Amino acid sequence: MVGDPEPVSQDPTDQTETADESPATTPIALTVSDGLDAEERVFLQQINDYRVANNLAPLQVSVALTNASDFHAKDMATKNYFAHDSQDGTTWINRIKRYYNYNTYYAENIAAGNATGAATFTQWKNSPGHDANMKGTNYRVIGIARAYDAAATYKWYWVTDFGGYVDEVMTTGDTPPPPPPPATTNLLVNGGFDTADITPGVTYTNVRTTGKWYSATQSGSATIASGNLRVVDARPDSISVAQLASVTAGTRYTFSAKARYVSGKTTGQVVYLDYLDASFNRIGRTTLSAGSSSTQHTITRTNTAPAGAAYARVTIYGYLGNADYQSTFEWDDVTLKAN
């Protein structure tokens, strides 16, 4: 058997990058038996039994990731090489994204030399890096493939690709697959600021109603015009524009917004993504900088609603620290989506 090369993995893009998150395809009634051969199904059973024994959720089989795994396994077998990156120079991550392109967690294990799923599972289990991918807490779907070529050095070649976003999956029986998660549904109302609907006089910590923007200013202004929100922080006093959305604990959410620096201090405005319990107590916070570019740019962040979360509160906040920042920014396309 062959133990190298080491496994590979990649986290989601950071907050300054734009995620290319296309919607999942229309579900089809493809079963695991349709999509995997007998030994691939053996491997699926073993890895999921292993994950459950380690208090981890079992993985669903992604149609897209299986197509990516199948391509690479056949490519290695027919061209007689053994590496994560393809012989034509395509990196492993770019190859996977031809089939499964989301801003999420990725990993890949490859193996060679064994025909059976059980032997390949043991091979990876005994390698710390490969084992870590199989037990990765960020992965929710898997692609599995093996390929054979009698003329290749190792005969049998295996690939498993892992992802954190549940797209179209194979079912374990005749039940149609579930619909894809609402990745294209914005949980925030008027996130594009198409209407000048904003209620003044409510501090972000006092917002109790979902589906509407609220603002509070000690100095400065928050106005909606021409499809943009302009926030002016005029003195060393806070200004906030906030909206609540209902969320589910344990679900991953992606926040994104377009921001543009207009004038004043370039560090003066941020976004707070707060998770609140049912009593509106804050139980988690992520802070994103608006950035300093005068060209409209996207900021984004993906994380998981913590245990006890009932709401997410998105707040565009002006004035950081104890200095007079006096900043003006424009905001657009503010979104919060379930993954």
C-alpha atoms as a PDB file:
ATOM      1  CA  MET A   1       0.000   0.000   0.000  1.00  0.00           C
ATOM      2  CA  VAL A   2       1.030   3.619  -0.430  1.00  0.00           C
ATOM      3  CA  GLY A   3       0.781   6.198   2.355  1.00  0.00           C
ATOM      4  CA  ASP A   4       1.944   9.361   0.638  1.00  0.00           C
ATOM      5  CA  PRO A   5       1.330  12.096  -0.298  1.00  0.00           C
ATOM      6  CA  GLU A   6      -0.045  13.789   2.784  1.00  0.00           C
ATOM      7  CA  PRO A   7      -3.711  14.877   2.864  1.00  0.00           C
ATOM      8  CA  VAL A   8      -4.634  18.436   1.932  1.00  0.00           C
ATOM      9  CA  SER A   9      -7.263  20.836   3.246  1.00  0.00           C
ATOM     10  CA  GLN A  10      -8.383  24.440   2.843  1.00  0.00           C
ATOM     11  CA  ASP A  11     -10.556  26.724   4.982  1.00  0.00           C
ATOM     12  CA  PRO A  12     -13.111  29.234   3.655  1.00  0.00           C
ATOM     13  CA  THR A  13     -11.853  32.506   2.245  1.00  0.00           C
ATOM     14  CA  ASP A  14     -11.224  35.301   4.723  1.00  0.00           C
ATOM     15  CA  GLN A  15     -13.441  38.333   5.247  1.00  0.00           C
ATOM     16  CA  THR A  16     -11.814  40.451   2.544  1.00  0.00           C
ATOM     17  CA  GLU A  17     -12.552  38.002  -0.249  1.00  0.00           C
ATOM     18  CA  THR A  18     -15.722  37.467  -2.234  1.00  0.00           C
ATOM     19  CA  ALA A  19     -17.188  33.972  -2.055  1.00  0.00           C
ATOM     20  CA  ASP A  20     -18.226  32.371  -5.330  1.00  0.00           C
ATOM     21  CA  GLU A  21     -21.187  30.492  -3.923  1.00  0.00           C
ATOM     22  CA  SER A  22     -23.391  29.284  -6.723  1.00  0.00           C
ATOM     23  CA  PRO A  23     -26.742  27.762  -5.784  1.00  0.00           C
ATOM     24  CA  ALA A  24     -27.028  23.998  -5.601  1.00  0.00           C
ATOM     25  CA  THR A  25     -28.445  22.220  -8.625  1.00  0.00           C
ATOM     26  CA  THR A  26     -31.988  20.892  -8.777  1.00  0.00           C
ATOM     27  CA  PRO A  27     -32.118  17.704  -6.650  1.00  0.00           C
ATOM     28  CA  ILE A  28     -32.467  14.378  -8.453  1.00  0.00           C
ATOM     29  CA  ALA A  29     -33.378  10.971  -7.020  1.00  0.00           C
ATOM     30  CA  LEU A  30     -29.860   9.517  -7.185  1.00  0.00           C
ATOM     31  CA  THR A  31     -29.178   6.867  -4.554  1.00  0.00           C
ATOM     32  CA  VAL A  32     -25.883   5.782  -3.026  1.00  0.00           C
ATOM     33  CA  SER A  33     -26.307   2.432  -4.823  1.00  0.00           C
ATOM     34  CA  ASP A  34     -26.643   4.301  -8.128  1.00  0.00           C
ATOM     35  CA  GLY A  35     -23.626   6.486  -7.533  1.00  0.00           C
ATOM     36  CA  LEU A  36     -21.107   4.278  -5.679  1.00  0.00           C
ATOM     37  CA  ASP A  37     -19.827   0.782  -6.375  1.00  0.00           C
ATOM     38  CA  ALA A  38     -19.878  -1.937  -3.707  1.00  0.00           C
ATOM     39  CA  GLU A  39     -16.431  -1.199  -2.258  1.00  0.00           C
ATOM     40  CA  GLU A  40     -17.036   2.559  -2.248  1.00  0.00           C
ATOM     41  CA  ARG A  41     -20.204   1.860  -0.246  1.00  0.00           C
ATOM     42  CA  VAL A  42     -18.159  -0.255   2.178  1.00  0.00           C
ATOM     43  CA  PHE A  43     -15.837   2.698   2.697  1.00  0.00           C
ATOM     44  CA  LEU A  44     -18.807   5.037   3.255  1.00  0.00           C
ATOM     45  CA  GLN A  45     -20.201   2.739   5.930  1.00  0.00           C
ATOM     46  CA  GLN A  46     -16.837   2.462   7.663  1.00  0.00           C
ATOM     47  CA  ILE A  47     -16.079   6.179   7.733  1.00  0.00           C
ATOM     48  CA  ASN A  48     -19.567   7.033   9.005  1.00  0.00           C
ATOM     49  CA  ASP A  49     -19.451   4.335  11.683  1.00  0.00           C
ATOM     50  CA  TYR A  50     -16.078   5.755  12.680  1.00  0.00           C
ATOM     51  CA  ARG A  51     -17.405   9.293  12.866  1.00  0.00           C
ATOM     52  CA  VAL A  52     -20.428   8.285  14.936  1.00  0.00           C
ATOM     53  CA  ALA A  53     -18.152   6.385  17.322  1.00  0.00           C
ATOM     54  CA  ASN A  54     -16.234   9.647  17.764  1.00  0.00           C
ATOM     55  CA  ASN A  55     -19.429  11.676  18.418  1.00  0.00           C
ATOM     56  CA  LEU A  56     -19.377  13.203  14.947  1.00  0.00           C
ATOM     57  CA  ALA A  57     -22.215  13.491  12.460  1.00  0.00           C
ATOM     58  CA  PRO A  58     -22.111  11.035   9.534  1.00  0.00           C
ATOM     59  CA  LEU A  59     -21.283  12.430   6.115  1.00  0.00           C
ATOM     60  CA  GLN A  60     -23.742  12.612   3.234  1.00  0.00           C
ATOM     61  CA  VAL A  61     -22.528  11.737  -0.254  1.00  0.00           C
ATOM     62  CA  SER A  62     -22.322  14.807  -2.487  1.00  0.00           C
ATOM     63  CA  VAL A  63     -22.992  14.230  -6.180  1.00  0.00           C
ATOM     64  CA  ALA A  64     -20.609  17.042  -7.159  1.00  0.00           C
ATOM     65  CA  LEU A  65     -17.780  15.938  -4.864  1.00  0.00           C
ATOM     66  CA  THR A  66     -18.134  12.337  -6.065  1.00  0.00           C
ATOM     67  CA  ASN A  67     -17.794  13.545  -9.644  1.00  0.00           C
ATOM     68  CA  ALA A  68     -14.646  15.449  -8.634  1.00  0.00           C
ATOM     69  CA  SER A  69     -13.224  12.387  -6.848  1.00  0.00           C
ATOM     70  CA  ASP A  70     -14.074  10.113  -9.765  1.00  0.00           C
ATOM     71  CA  PHE A  71     -12.311  12.367 -12.255  1.00  0.00           C
ATOM     72  CA  HIS A  72      -9.111  12.469 -10.226  1.00  0.00           C
ATOM     73  CA  ALA A  73      -9.048   8.750  -9.415  1.00  0.00           C
ATOM     74  CA  LYS A  74      -9.434   7.847 -13.109  1.00  0.00           C
ATOM     75  CA  ASP A  75      -6.897  10.490 -14.133  1.00  0.00           C
ATOM     76  CA  MET A  76      -4.257   9.101 -11.761  1.00  0.00           C
ATOM     77  CA  ALA A  77      -4.913   5.506 -12.817  1.00  0.00           C
ATOM     78  CA  THR A  78      -4.894   6.075 -16.571  1.00  0.00           C
ATOM     79  CA  LYS A  79      -1.925   8.483 -16.522  1.00  0.00           C
ATOM     80  CA  ASN A  80      -0.013   6.496 -13.874  1.00  0.00           C
ATOM     81  CA  TYR A  81       0.795   9.192 -11.314  1.00  0.00           C
ATOM     82  CA  PHE A  82       0.005   9.739  -7.644  1.00  0.00           C
ATOM     83  CA  ALA A  83      -0.450  13.332  -6.436  1.00  0.00           C
ATOM     84  CA  HIS A  84      -3.158  15.740  -5.292  1.00  0.00           C
ATOM     85  CA  ASP A  85      -2.507  18.192  -8.133  1.00  0.00           C
ATOM     86  CA  SER A  86      -3.295  17.047 -11.653  1.00  0.00           C
ATOM     87  CA  GLN A  87      -0.602  16.415 -14.250  1.00  0.00           C
ATOM     88  CA  ASP A  88      -1.841  19.336 -16.339  1.00  0.00           C
ATOM     89  CA  GLY A  89      -0.944  21.709 -13.471  1.00  0.00           C
ATOM     90  CA  THR A  90      -4.458  22.114 -12.060  1.00  0.00           C
ATOM     91  CA  THR A  91      -4.277  22.356  -8.275  1.00  0.00           C
ATOM     92  CA  TRP A  92      -6.401  19.998  -6.214  1.00  0.00           C
ATOM     93  CA  ILE A  93      -8.634  22.813  -4.926  1.00  0.00           C
ATOM     94  CA  ASN A  94      -9.239  24.297  -8.367  1.00  0.00           C
ATOM     95  CA  ARG A  95     -10.061  20.838  -9.716  1.00  0.00           C
ATOM     96  CA  ILE A  96     -12.650  20.270  -6.990  1.00  0.00           C
ATOM     97  CA  LYS A  97     -14.167  23.715  -7.552  1.00  0.00           C
ATOM     98  CA  ARG A  98     -14.910  22.829 -11.158  1.00  0.00           C
ATOM     99  CA  TYR A  99     -17.619  20.601  -9.694  1.00  0.00           C
ATOM    100  CA  TYR A 100     -18.301  21.951  -6.177  1.00  0.00           C
ATOM    101  CA  ASN A 101     -17.680  25.684  -5.850  1.00  0.00           C
ATOM    102  CA  TYR A 102     -18.672  27.131  -2.478  1.00  0.00           C
ATOM    103  CA  ASN A 103     -17.013  29.301   0.163  1.00  0.00           C
ATOM    104  CA  THR A 104     -16.618  26.483   2.653  1.00  0.00           C
ATOM    105  CA  TYR A 105     -14.163  23.953   4.072  1.00  0.00           C
ATOM    106  CA  TYR A 106     -12.400  21.534   1.713  1.00  0.00           C
ATOM    107  CA  ALA A 107     -10.111  18.517   2.130  1.00  0.00           C
ATOM    108  CA  GLU A 108      -8.846  15.626   0.068  1.00  0.00           C
ATOM    109  CA  ASN A 109      -7.368  12.199   0.826  1.00  0.00           C
ATOM    110  CA  ILE A 110      -5.807  10.007  -1.851  1.00  0.00           C
ATOM    111  CA  ALA A 111      -4.555   6.435  -1.575  1.00  0.00           C
ATOM    112  CA  ALA A 112      -3.282   3.708  -3.850  1.00  0.00           C
ATOM    113  CA  GLY A 113      -2.590  -0.007  -3.824  1.00  0.00           C
ATOM    114  CA  ASN A 114      -5.749  -1.430  -2.230  1.00  0.00           C
ATOM    115  CA  ALA A 115      -8.864  -2.674  -3.986  1.00  0.00           C
ATOM    116  CA  THR A 116     -11.209  -2.758  -0.989  1.00  0.00           C
ATOM    117  CA  GLY A 117     -12.908  -0.004   0.946  1.00  0.00           C
ATOM    118  CA  ALA A 118     -12.021  -1.617   4.271  1.00  0.00           C
ATOM    119  CA  ALA A 119      -8.292  -1.738   3.519  1.00  0.00           C
ATOM    120  CA  THR A 120      -8.280   1.856   2.251  1.00  0.00           C
ATOM    121  CA  PHE A 121     -10.168   3.052   5.322  1.00  0.00           C
ATOM    122  CA  THR A 122      -7.566   1.350   7.573  1.00  0.00           C
ATOM    123  CA  GLN A 123      -4.763   2.847   5.490  1.00  0.00           C
ATOM    124  CA  TRP A 124      -6.069   6.361   6.097  1.00  0.00           C
ATOM    125  CA  LYS A 125      -7.044   5.715   9.715  1.00  0.00           C
ATOM    126  CA  ASN A 126      -3.435   4.764  10.475  1.00  0.00           C
ATOM    127  CA  SER A 127      -2.109   8.036   8.993  1.00  0.00           C
ATOM    128  CA  PRO A 128      -2.627  10.987  11.382  1.00  0.00           C
ATOM    129  CA  GLY A 129      -3.211  13.584   8.674  1.00  0.00           C
ATOM    130  CA  HIS A 130      -5.620  11.469   6.656  1.00  0.00           C
ATOM    131  CA  ASP A 131      -7.361  10.407   9.866  1.00  0.00           C
ATOM    132  CA  ALA A 132      -7.824  14.077  10.837  1.00  0.00           C
ATOM    133  CA  ASN A 133      -9.622  14.741   7.547  1.00  0.00           C
ATOM    134  CA  MET A 134     -11.916  11.741   8.084  1.00  0.00           C
ATOM    135  CA  LYS A 135     -12.792  13.090  11.554  1.00  0.00           C
ATOM    136  CA  GLY A 136     -12.972  16.757  10.514  1.00  0.00           C
ATOM    137  CA  THR A 137     -15.727  18.586  12.381  1.00  0.00           C
ATOM    138  CA  ASN A 138     -16.222  21.110   9.557  1.00  0.00           C
ATOM    139  CA  TYR A 139     -17.087  18.518   6.906  1.00  0.00           C
ATOM    140  CA  ARG A 140     -20.679  17.557   6.160  1.00  0.00           C
ATOM    141  CA  VAL A 141     -20.442  15.912   2.720  1.00  0.00           C
ATOM    142  CA  ILE A 142     -17.999  13.591   0.967  1.00  0.00           C
ATOM    143  CA  GLY A 143     -17.165  12.382  -2.520  1.00  0.00           C
ATOM    144  CA  ILE A 144     -15.812   8.834  -2.892  1.00  0.00           C
ATOM    145  CA  ALA A 145     -14.231   7.177  -5.920  1.00  0.00           C
ATOM    146  CA  ARG A 146     -11.784   4.439  -6.851  1.00  0.00           C
ATOM    147  CA  ALA A 147     -10.290   3.564 -10.248  1.00  0.00           C
ATOM    148  CA  TYR A 148      -8.257   0.671 -11.659  1.00  0.00           C
ATOM    149  CA  ASP A 149      -5.686   0.375 -14.416  1.00  0.00           C
ATOM    150  CA  ALA A 150      -3.660  -2.827 -14.793  1.00  0.00           C
ATOM    151  CA  ALA A 151      -0.792  -0.899 -16.396  1.00  0.00           C
ATOM    152  CA  ALA A 152      -0.498   1.633 -13.553  1.00  0.00           C
ATOM    153  CA  THR A 153       2.126   1.264 -10.849  1.00  0.00           C
ATOM    154  CA  TYR A 154      -0.325   0.800  -7.958  1.00  0.00           C
ATOM    155  CA  LYS A 155      -3.288  -0.611  -9.960  1.00  0.00           C
ATOM    156  CA  TRP A 156      -5.983   0.807  -7.631  1.00  0.00           C
ATOM    157  CA  TYR A 157      -6.342   4.543  -6.876  1.00  0.00           C
ATOM    158  CA  TRP A 158      -8.730   6.064  -4.328  1.00  0.00           C
ATOM    159  CA  VAL A 159      -9.880   9.674  -3.804  1.00  0.00           C
ATOM    160  CA  THR A 160     -12.148  11.156  -1.147  1.00  0.00           C
ATOM    161  CA  ASP A 161     -13.050  14.852  -1.335  1.00  0.00           C
ATOM    162  CA  PHE A 162     -14.646  16.558   1.684  1.00  0.00           C
ATOM    163  CA  GLY A 163     -16.803  19.706   1.867  1.00  0.00           C
ATOM    164  CA  GLY A 164     -18.601  21.780   4.464  1.00  0.00           C
ATOM    165  CA  TYR A 165     -21.612  22.819   2.352  1.00  0.00           C
ATOM    166  CA  VAL A 166     -24.480  20.357   1.764  1.00  0.00           C
ATOM    167  CA  ASP A 167     -25.354  20.576  -1.901  1.00  0.00           C
ATOM    168  CA  GLU A 168     -27.124  17.876  -3.932  1.00  0.00           C
ATOM    169  CA  VAL A 169     -26.668  14.552  -2.147  1.00  0.00           C
ATOM    170  CA  MET A 170     -27.264  10.893  -2.912  1.00  0.00           C
ATOM    171  CA  THR A 171     -29.928   9.238  -0.806  1.00  0.00           C
ATOM    172  CA  THR A 172     -29.580   5.886   0.949  1.00  0.00           C
ATOM    173  CA  GLY A 173     -32.794   4.507  -0.521  1.00  0.00           C
ATOM    174  CA  ASP A 174     -35.751   5.473  -2.671  1.00  0.00           C
ATOM    175  CA  THR A 175     -36.508   8.650  -0.714  1.00  0.00           C
ATOM    176  CA  PRO A 176     -35.900  11.754  -2.842  1.00  0.00           C
ATOM    177  CA  PRO A 177     -32.987  13.863  -1.609  1.00  0.00           C
ATOM    178  CA  PRO A 178     -33.769  16.887   0.553  1.00  0.00           C
ATOM    179  CA  PRO A 179     -33.830  20.300  -1.105  1.00  0.00           C
ATOM    180  CA  PRO A 180     -30.595  22.291  -0.887  1.00  0.00           C
ATOM    181  CA  PRO A 181     -30.288  24.707   2.046  1.00  0.00           C
ATOM    182  CA  PRO A 182     -31.544  28.253   1.450  1.00  0.00           C
ATOM    183  CA  ALA A 183     -28.150  29.628   0.429  1.00  0.00           C
ATOM    184  CA  THR A 184     -29.761  32.191  -1.894  1.00  0.00           C
ATOM    185  CA  THR A 185     -32.332  33.488   0.614  1.00  0.00           C
ATOM    186  CA  ASN A 186     -31.345  36.673   2.406  1.00  0.00           C
ATOM    187  CA  LEU A 187     -32.598  36.610   5.983  1.00  0.00           C
ATOM    188  CA  LEU A 188     -32.327  40.403   6.137  1.00  0.00           C
ATOM    189  CA  VAL A 189     -35.192  42.494   4.776  1.00  0.00           C
ATOM    190  CA  ASN A 190     -34.281  45.412   2.480  1.00  0.00           C
ATOM    191  CA  GLY A 191     -30.638  44.327   2.499  1.00  0.00           C
ATOM    192  CA  GLY A 192     -30.149  46.077  -0.835  1.00  0.00           C
ATOM    193  CA  PHE A 193     -31.602  49.315   0.559  1.00  0.00           C
ATOM    194  CA  ASP A 194     -34.038  49.526  -2.316  1.00  0.00           C
ATOM    195  CA  THR A 195     -36.501  51.444  -0.159  1.00  0.00           C
ATOM    196  CA  ALA A 196     -35.755  54.243   2.294  1.00  0.00           C
ATOM    197  CA  ASP A 197     -37.178  52.269   5.208  1.00  0.00           C
ATOM    198  CA  ILE A 198     -35.246  52.801   8.414  1.00  0.00           C
ATOM    199  CA  THR A 199     -36.623  53.542  11.890  1.00  0.00           C
ATOM    200  CA  PRO A 200     -34.540  56.050  13.879  1.00  0.00           C
ATOM    201  CA  GLY A 201     -34.069  56.327  17.613  1.00  0.00           C
ATOM    202  CA  VAL A 202     -33.473  52.652  18.496  1.00  0.00           C
ATOM    203  CA  THR A 203     -30.020  51.648  19.726  1.00  0.00           C
ATOM    204  CA  TYR A 204     -28.857  48.347  18.302  1.00  0.00           C
ATOM    205  CA  THR A 205     -28.856  46.696  21.737  1.00  0.00           C
ATOM    206  CA  ASN A 206     -32.560  47.555  22.076  1.00  0.00           C
ATOM    207  CA  VAL A 207     -33.760  46.110  18.762  1.00  0.00           C
ATOM    208  CA  ARG A 208     -36.384  43.455  19.466  1.00  0.00           C
ATOM    209  CA  THR A 209     -38.201  43.059  16.135  1.00  0.00           C
ATOM    210  CA  THR A 210     -36.953  41.145  13.096  1.00  0.00           C
ATOM    211  CA  GLY A 211     -37.272  42.218   9.477  1.00  0.00           C
ATOM    212  CA  LYS A 212     -36.532  45.938   9.702  1.00  0.00           C
ATOM    213  CA  TRP A 213     -33.582  48.312   9.928  1.00  0.00           C
ATOM    214  CA  TYR A 214     -33.246  50.528  13.008  1.00  0.00           C
ATOM    215  CA  SER A 215     -30.767  53.341  13.621  1.00  0.00           C
ATOM    216  CA  ALA A 216     -29.518  55.369  16.552  1.00  0.00           C
ATOM    217  CA  THR A 217     -27.275  58.400  16.319  1.00  0.00           C
ATOM    218  CA  GLN A 218     -25.759  60.731  18.865  1.00  0.00           C
ATOM    219  CA  SER A 219     -24.212  62.685  16.060  1.00  0.00           C
ATOM    220  CA  GLY A 220     -24.092  62.091  12.346  1.00  0.00           C
ATOM    221  CA  SER A 221     -26.686  60.416  10.137  1.00  0.00           C
ATOM    222  CA  ALA A 222     -27.858  57.204   8.541  1.00  0.00           C
ATOM    223  CA  THR A 223     -29.760  57.683   5.301  1.00  0.00           C
ATOM    224  CA  ILE A 224     -30.902  55.475   2.435  1.00  0.00           C
ATOM    225  CA  ALA A 225     -30.789  56.902  -1.074  1.00  0.00           C
ATOM    226  CA  SER A 226     -30.194  55.532  -4.585  1.00  0.00           C
ATOM    227  CA  GLY A 227     -30.003  51.975  -3.300  1.00  0.00           C
ATOM    228  CA  ASN A 228     -27.250  52.653  -0.770  1.00  0.00           C
ATOM    229  CA  LEU A 229     -27.032  53.225   2.955  1.00  0.00           C
ATOM    230  CA  ARG A 230     -24.799  56.182   3.819  1.00  0.00           C
ATOM    231  CA  VAL A 231     -23.535  56.216   7.411  1.00  0.00           C
ATOM    232  CA  VAL A 232     -21.898  59.400   8.669  1.00  0.00           C
ATOM    233  CA  ASP A 233     -20.121  59.313  12.020  1.00  0.00           C
ATOM    234  CA  ALA A 234     -19.603  63.018  12.703  1.00  0.00           C
ATOM    235  CA  ARG A 235     -18.286  63.095  16.272  1.00  0.00           C
ATOM    236  CA  PRO A 236     -16.792  60.707  18.851  1.00  0.00           C
ATOM    237  CA  ASP A 237     -20.265  59.371  19.580  1.00  0.00           C
ATOM    238  CA  SER A 238     -21.679  56.115  18.323  1.00  0.00           C
ATOM    239  CA  ILE A 239     -23.958  55.592  15.346  1.00  0.00           C
ATOM    240  CA  SER A 240     -25.574  52.259  14.552  1.00  0.00           C
ATOM    241  CA  VAL A 241     -27.827  50.686  11.938  1.00  0.00           C
ATOM    242  CA  ALA A 242     -29.093  47.251  12.948  1.00  0.00           C
ATOM    243  CA  GLN A 243     -31.494  44.444  12.029  1.00  0.00           C
ATOM    244  CA  LEU A 244     -32.446  41.189  13.749  1.00  0.00           C
ATOM    245  CA  ALA A 245     -32.992  37.841  11.987  1.00  0.00           C
ATOM    246  CA  SER A 246     -34.166  34.549  13.431  1.00  0.00           C
ATOM    247  CA  VAL A 247     -31.541  31.788  13.293  1.00  0.00           C
ATOM    248  CA  THR A 248     -31.128  28.148  14.319  1.00  0.00           C
ATOM    249  CA  ALA A 249     -28.381  27.063  16.690  1.00  0.00           C
ATOM    250  CA  GLY A 250     -25.804  24.824  15.041  1.00  0.00           C
ATOM    251  CA  THR A 251     -26.513  26.138  11.535  1.00  0.00           C
ATOM    252  CA  ARG A 252     -23.753  27.812   9.534  1.00  0.00           C
ATOM    253  CA  TYR A 253     -24.472  31.325   8.269  1.00  0.00           C
ATOM    254  CA  THR A 254     -22.626  33.543   5.824  1.00  0.00           C
ATOM    255  CA  PHE A 255     -22.705  37.315   6.219  1.00  0.00           C
ATOM    256  CA  SER A 256     -21.642  39.577   3.380  1.00  0.00           C
ATOM    257  CA  ALA A 257     -21.894  43.259   2.545  1.00  0.00           C
ATOM    258  CA  LYS A 258     -20.555  45.730   0.023  1.00  0.00           C
ATOM    259  CA  ALA A 259     -18.808  48.743   1.532  1.00  0.00           C
ATOM    260  CA  ARG A 260     -17.178  51.882   0.149  1.00  0.00           C
ATOM    261  CA  TYR A 261     -15.073  54.425   2.032  1.00  0.00           C
ATOM    262  CA  VAL A 262     -16.216  57.974   1.239  1.00  0.00           C
ATOM    263  CA  SER A 263     -14.368  60.355   3.564  1.00  0.00           C
ATOM    264  CA  GLY A 264     -12.897  60.895   7.013  1.00  0.00           C
ATOM    265  CA  LYS A 265     -11.006  58.223   8.932  1.00  0.00           C
ATOM    266  CA  THR A 266     -10.700  54.956   7.035  1.00  0.00           C
ATOM    267  CA  THR A 267     -10.946  52.841  10.205  1.00  0.00           C
ATOM    268  CA  GLY A 268     -14.141  54.306  11.559  1.00  0.00           C
ATOM    269  CA  GLN A 269     -16.832  51.757  10.714  1.00  0.00           C
ATOM    270  CA  VAL A 270     -17.298  48.038  11.289  1.00  0.00           C
ATOM    271  CA  VAL A 271     -19.976  45.348  11.248  1.00  0.00           C
ATOM    272  CA  TYR A 272     -20.946  43.425  14.362  1.00  0.00           C
ATOM    273  CA  LEU A 273     -22.485  40.013  13.719  1.00  0.00           C
ATOM    274  CA  ASP A 274     -23.914  39.103  17.122  1.00  0.00           C
ATOM    275  CA  TYR A 275     -25.704  35.905  18.072  1.00  0.00           C
ATOM    276  CA  LEU A 276     -28.394  36.351  20.743  1.00  0.00           C
ATOM    277  CA  ASP A 277     -30.373  33.937  22.869  1.00  0.00           C
ATOM    278  CA  ALA A 278     -34.165  34.036  23.142  1.00  0.00           C
ATOM    279  CA  SER A 279     -33.886  36.775  25.797  1.00  0.00           C
ATOM    280  CA  PHE A 280     -31.731  38.899  23.450  1.00  0.00           C
ATOM    281  CA  ASN A 281     -28.563  38.353  25.462  1.00  0.00           C
ATOM    282  CA  ARG A 282     -25.430  38.310  23.334  1.00  0.00           C
ATOM    283  CA  ILE A 283     -23.742  34.894  23.312  1.00  0.00           C
ATOM    284  CA  GLY A 284     -21.341  35.366  20.396  1.00  0.00           C
ATOM    285  CA  ARG A 285     -19.787  38.145  18.323  1.00  0.00           C
ATOM    286  CA  THR A 286     -17.827  38.484  15.083  1.00  0.00           C
ATOM    287  CA  THR A 287     -16.392  41.875  14.069  1.00  0.00           C
ATOM    288  CA  LEU A 288     -15.665  42.729  10.431  1.00  0.00           C
ATOM    289  CA  SER A 289     -13.814  45.835   9.291  1.00  0.00           C
ATOM    290  CA  ALA A 290     -15.374  47.877   6.532  1.00  0.00           C
ATOM    291  CA  GLY A 291     -11.983  48.190   4.870  1.00  0.00           C
ATOM    292  CA  SER A 292     -10.435  51.352   3.501  1.00  0.00           C
ATOM    293  CA  SER A 293     -11.051  51.095  -0.250  1.00  0.00           C
ATOM    294  CA  SER A 294     -12.948  53.932  -1.898  1.00  0.00           C
ATOM    295  CA  THR A 295     -14.125  51.384  -4.480  1.00  0.00           C
ATOM    296  CA  GLN A 296     -17.093  49.257  -3.511  1.00  0.00           C
ATOM    297  CA  HIS A 297     -15.762  45.948  -2.178  1.00  0.00           C
ATOM    298  CA  THR A 298     -17.215  42.900  -0.447  1.00  0.00           C
ATOM    299  CA  ILE A 299     -16.589  41.793   3.120  1.00  0.00           C
ATOM    300  CA  THR A 300     -17.789  38.365   4.211  1.00  0.00           C
ATOM    301  CA  ARG A 301     -17.633  35.902   7.074  1.00  0.00           C
ATOM    302  CA  THR A 302     -19.031  32.394   7.651  1.00  0.00           C
ATOM    303  CA  ASN A 303     -19.550  30.914  11.111  1.00  0.00           C
ATOM    304  CA  THR A 304     -21.887  28.691  13.081  1.00  0.00           C
ATOM    305  CA  ALA A 305     -24.672  29.922  15.345  1.00  0.00           C
ATOM    306  CA  PRO A 306     -23.703  28.794  18.863  1.00  0.00           C
ATOM    307  CA  ALA A 307     -25.795  26.646  21.150  1.00  0.00           C
ATOM    308  CA  GLY A 308     -28.742  28.626  22.478  1.00  0.00           C
ATOM    309  CA  ALA A 309     -28.814  31.083  19.576  1.00  0.00           C
ATOM    310  CA  ALA A 310     -32.261  32.331  18.560  1.00  0.00           C
ATOM    311  CA  TYR A 311     -31.333  35.535  16.702  1.00  0.00           C
ATOM    312  CA  ALA A 312     -28.530  37.051  14.701  1.00  0.00           C
ATOM    313  CA  ARG A 313     -28.102  40.820  14.945  1.00  0.00           C
ATOM    314  CA  VAL A 314     -26.314  42.611  12.125  1.00  0.00           C
ATOM    315  CA  THR A 315     -25.078  46.062  13.136  1.00  0.00           C
ATOM    316  CA  ILE A 316     -23.241  48.594  11.018  1.00  0.00           C
ATOM    317  CA  TYR A 317     -21.427  50.570  13.673  1.00  0.00           C
ATOM    318  CA  GLY A 318     -19.534  53.842  13.494  1.00  0.00           C
ATOM    319  CA  TYR A 319     -16.942  54.957  16.056  1.00  0.00           C
ATOM    320  CA  LEU A 320     -14.374  52.606  17.456  1.00  0.00           C
ATOM    321  CA  GLY A 321     -12.251  53.280  20.521  1.00  0.00           C
ATOM    322  CA  ASN A 322     -11.893  56.654  22.195  1.00  0.00           C
ATOM    323  CA  ALA A 323     -10.880  58.824  19.267  1.00  0.00           C
ATOM    324  CA  ASP A 324     -12.937  60.975  16.953  1.00  0.00           C
ATOM    325  CA  TYR A 325     -12.978  58.953  13.758  1.00  0.00           C
ATOM    326  CA  GLN A 326     -15.424  61.134  11.780  1.00  0.00           C
ATOM    327  CA  SER A 327     -15.981  58.626   8.994  1.00  0.00           C
ATOM    328  CA  THR A 328     -18.411  58.344   6.094  1.00  0.00           C
ATOM    329  CA  PHE A 329     -19.085  55.030   4.346  1.00  0.00           C
ATOM    330  CA  GLU A 330     -21.655  53.711   1.897  1.00  0.00           C
ATOM    331  CA  TRP A 331     -23.136  50.214   2.272  1.00  0.00           C
ATOM    332  CA  ASP A 332     -25.095  47.941  -0.073  1.00  0.00           C
ATOM    333  CA  ASP A 333     -26.196  44.307  -0.518  1.00  0.00           C
ATOM    334  CA  VAL A 334     -26.057  43.392   3.147  1.00  0.00           C
ATOM    335  CA  THR A 335     -26.951  39.705   3.383  1.00  0.00           C
ATOM    336  CA  LEU A 336     -27.184  36.908   5.940  1.00  0.00           C
ATOM    337  CA  LYS A 337     -27.746  33.437   4.452  1.00  0.00           C
ATOM    338  CA  ALA A 338     -27.943  29.937   5.871  1.00  0.00           C
ATOM    339  CA  ASN A 339     -25.420  27.492   4.458  1.00  0.00           C
END
